[in-house]
């Protein structure tokens, strides 16, 4: 019987696939950008720094940093499913902001990004579950 390989991305409770690792490292970068340069991110998304308080983007950045750290440390199907729920709720709230013409472009971009994270976490959850069943 071969011993299970471990790496810095394995916490003994799940195994992080290479795709999931890249996704969560990308989330770390995204969260860091939101935290460090919220005005620049907002402008890049087509928004105006005065229309959305920087504090909101910084809080979102912290949420992404914490979520990525948790998922890198505990890459279980359950953890990824919880991440998918958080990202899905985020996407739904962003869609609700589309009604505001001033925030429409930013809201659509944000909803698309959050939907992408939702899909990523859902796929990672199913792959982590498949690896656990082996």
Protein backbone atom coordinates (compact mmCIF):
# COMPACT_ATOMS: atom_id res chain seq x y z
CA UNK A 1 0.00 0.00 0.00
CA UNK A 2 1.50 3.32 -1.07
CA UNK A 3 1.59 6.21 1.38
CA UNK A 4 -0.52 9.22 0.51
CA UNK A 5 1.59 12.05 -0.89
CA UNK A 6 1.43 15.31 0.96
CA UNK A 7 2.38 18.80 -0.02
CA UNK A 8 2.12 22.29 1.37
CA UNK A 9 -1.44 22.32 0.00
CA UNK A 10 -2.53 19.18 1.84
CA UNK A 11 -3.87 19.48 5.33
CA UNK A 12 -4.61 15.83 5.96
CA UNK A 13 -8.35 16.46 5.56
CA UNK A 14 -8.49 16.91 1.81
CA UNK A 15 -6.29 17.29 -1.20
CA UNK A 16 -6.11 20.42 -3.30
CA UNK A 17 -6.08 19.79 -7.03
CA UNK A 18 -3.68 21.88 -9.13
CA UNK A 19 -6.64 23.69 -10.73
CA UNK A 20 -8.14 24.53 -7.34
CA UNK A 21 -4.74 25.69 -6.08
CA UNK A 22 -4.35 28.10 -9.01
CA UNK A 23 -7.88 29.37 -8.42
CA UNK A 24 -7.30 30.02 -4.75
CA UNK A 25 -3.92 31.65 -5.35
CA UNK A 26 -5.69 33.87 -7.90
CA UNK A 27 -8.30 34.65 -5.24
CA UNK A 28 -5.47 35.69 -2.89
CA UNK A 29 -4.21 38.14 -5.51
CA UNK A 30 -7.74 39.46 -6.16
CA UNK A 31 -8.40 39.91 -2.44
CA UNK A 32 -5.06 41.67 -2.04
CA UNK A 33 -5.88 44.06 -4.88
CA UNK A 34 -9.28 44.87 -3.39
CA UNK A 35 -7.67 45.49 -0.03
CA UNK A 36 -4.66 47.50 -1.21
CA UNK A 37 -6.02 49.47 -4.18
CA UNK A 38 -9.82 49.59 -4.13
CA UNK A 39 -10.01 52.81 -6.16
CA UNK A 40 -7.86 51.40 -8.96
CA UNK A 41 -9.91 48.20 -9.09
CA UNK A 42 -13.14 50.19 -9.21
CA UNK A 43 -11.85 52.38 -12.05
CA UNK A 44 -10.67 49.30 -13.97
CA UNK A 45 -14.19 47.90 -13.66
CA UNK A 46 -15.64 51.10 -15.11
CA UNK A 47 -16.75 52.64 -11.84
CA UNK A 48 -16.03 55.88 -10.09
CA UNK A 49 -14.26 55.82 -6.73
CA UNK A 50 -16.88 58.13 -5.20
CA UNK A 51 -19.77 55.83 -6.16
CA UNK A 52 -18.70 52.89 -3.98
CA UNK A 53 -16.96 53.43 -0.67
CA UNK A 54 -13.45 51.99 -0.58
CA UNK A 55 -14.27 50.38 2.75
CA UNK A 56 -16.77 48.06 1.06
CA UNK A 57 -14.14 46.86 -1.40
CA UNK A 58 -11.59 46.44 1.38
CA UNK A 59 -14.02 44.30 3.40
CA UNK A 60 -14.66 42.22 0.29
CA UNK A 61 -10.89 41.89 -0.18
CA UNK A 62 -10.49 40.62 3.38
CA UNK A 63 -13.31 38.11 2.78
CA UNK A 64 -11.52 36.79 -0.32
CA UNK A 65 -8.19 36.56 1.53
CA UNK A 66 -9.77 34.64 4.41
CA UNK A 67 -11.71 32.36 2.06
CA UNK A 68 -8.61 31.55 0.02
CA UNK A 69 -6.55 30.87 3.15
CA UNK A 70 -9.23 28.52 4.51
CA UNK A 71 -9.60 26.67 1.23
CA UNK A 72 -5.83 26.32 0.78
CA UNK A 73 -5.50 24.97 4.34
CA UNK A 74 -8.64 22.78 4.40
CA UNK A 75 -9.46 21.79 0.81
CA UNK A 76 -12.49 19.64 1.64
CA UNK A 77 -15.64 19.31 -0.46
CA UNK A 78 -17.62 20.89 2.38
CA UNK A 79 -15.33 23.91 2.58
CA UNK A 80 -15.53 24.44 -1.18
CA UNK A 81 -19.33 24.12 -1.06
CA UNK A 82 -19.49 26.79 1.65
CA UNK A 83 -17.25 28.98 -0.49
CA UNK A 84 -19.57 28.44 -3.45
CA UNK A 85 -22.53 29.52 -1.31
CA UNK A 86 -20.72 32.70 -0.20
CA UNK A 87 -19.73 33.52 -3.78
CA UNK A 88 -23.21 32.71 -5.10
CA UNK A 89 -24.84 35.03 -2.57
CA UNK A 90 -22.32 37.71 -3.53
CA UNK A 91 -23.25 37.27 -7.22
CA UNK A 92 -26.96 37.58 -6.41
CA UNK A 93 -26.46 40.78 -4.42
CA UNK A 94 -24.38 42.24 -7.25
CA UNK A 95 -27.16 41.43 -9.74
CA UNK A 96 -29.58 43.33 -7.49
CA UNK A 97 -27.42 46.45 -7.91
CA UNK A 98 -27.85 46.36 -11.71
CA UNK A 99 -31.05 48.38 -11.29
CA UNK A 100 -28.93 51.41 -10.29
CA UNK A 101 -27.78 52.94 -13.60
CA UNK A 102 -24.75 54.56 -11.97
CA UNK A 103 -23.49 51.18 -10.73
CA UNK A 104 -24.72 48.94 -13.54
CA UNK A 105 -21.38 48.26 -15.25
CA UNK A 106 -19.54 47.61 -11.99
CA UNK A 107 -22.42 45.47 -10.70
CA UNK A 108 -22.46 43.32 -13.85
CA UNK A 109 -18.68 42.90 -13.76
CA UNK A 110 -18.77 42.05 -10.07
CA UNK A 111 -21.63 39.58 -10.59
CA UNK A 112 -19.69 37.87 -13.37
CA UNK A 113 -16.56 37.60 -11.22
CA UNK A 114 -18.54 36.24 -8.26
CA UNK A 115 -20.34 33.77 -10.54
CA UNK A 116 -16.95 32.61 -11.80
CA UNK A 117 -15.77 32.01 -8.22
CA UNK A 118 -19.03 30.11 -7.56
CA UNK A 119 -18.38 27.78 -10.50
CA UNK A 120 -14.73 27.38 -9.50
CA UNK A 121 -15.68 26.39 -5.94
CA UNK A 122 -18.41 24.03 -7.16
CA UNK A 123 -16.04 22.24 -9.50
CA UNK A 124 -13.35 22.11 -6.81
CA UNK A 125 -15.88 20.64 -4.35
CA UNK A 126 -16.83 17.87 -6.75
CA UNK A 127 -13.21 17.09 -7.59
CA UNK A 128 -12.16 17.11 -3.93
CA UNK A 129 -15.05 14.76 -3.17
CA UNK A 130 -14.04 12.43 -6.01
CA UNK A 131 -10.46 12.29 -4.71
CA UNK A 132 -11.68 11.57 -1.17
CA UNK A 133 -13.68 8.57 -2.44
CA UNK A 134 -10.60 6.94 -4.02
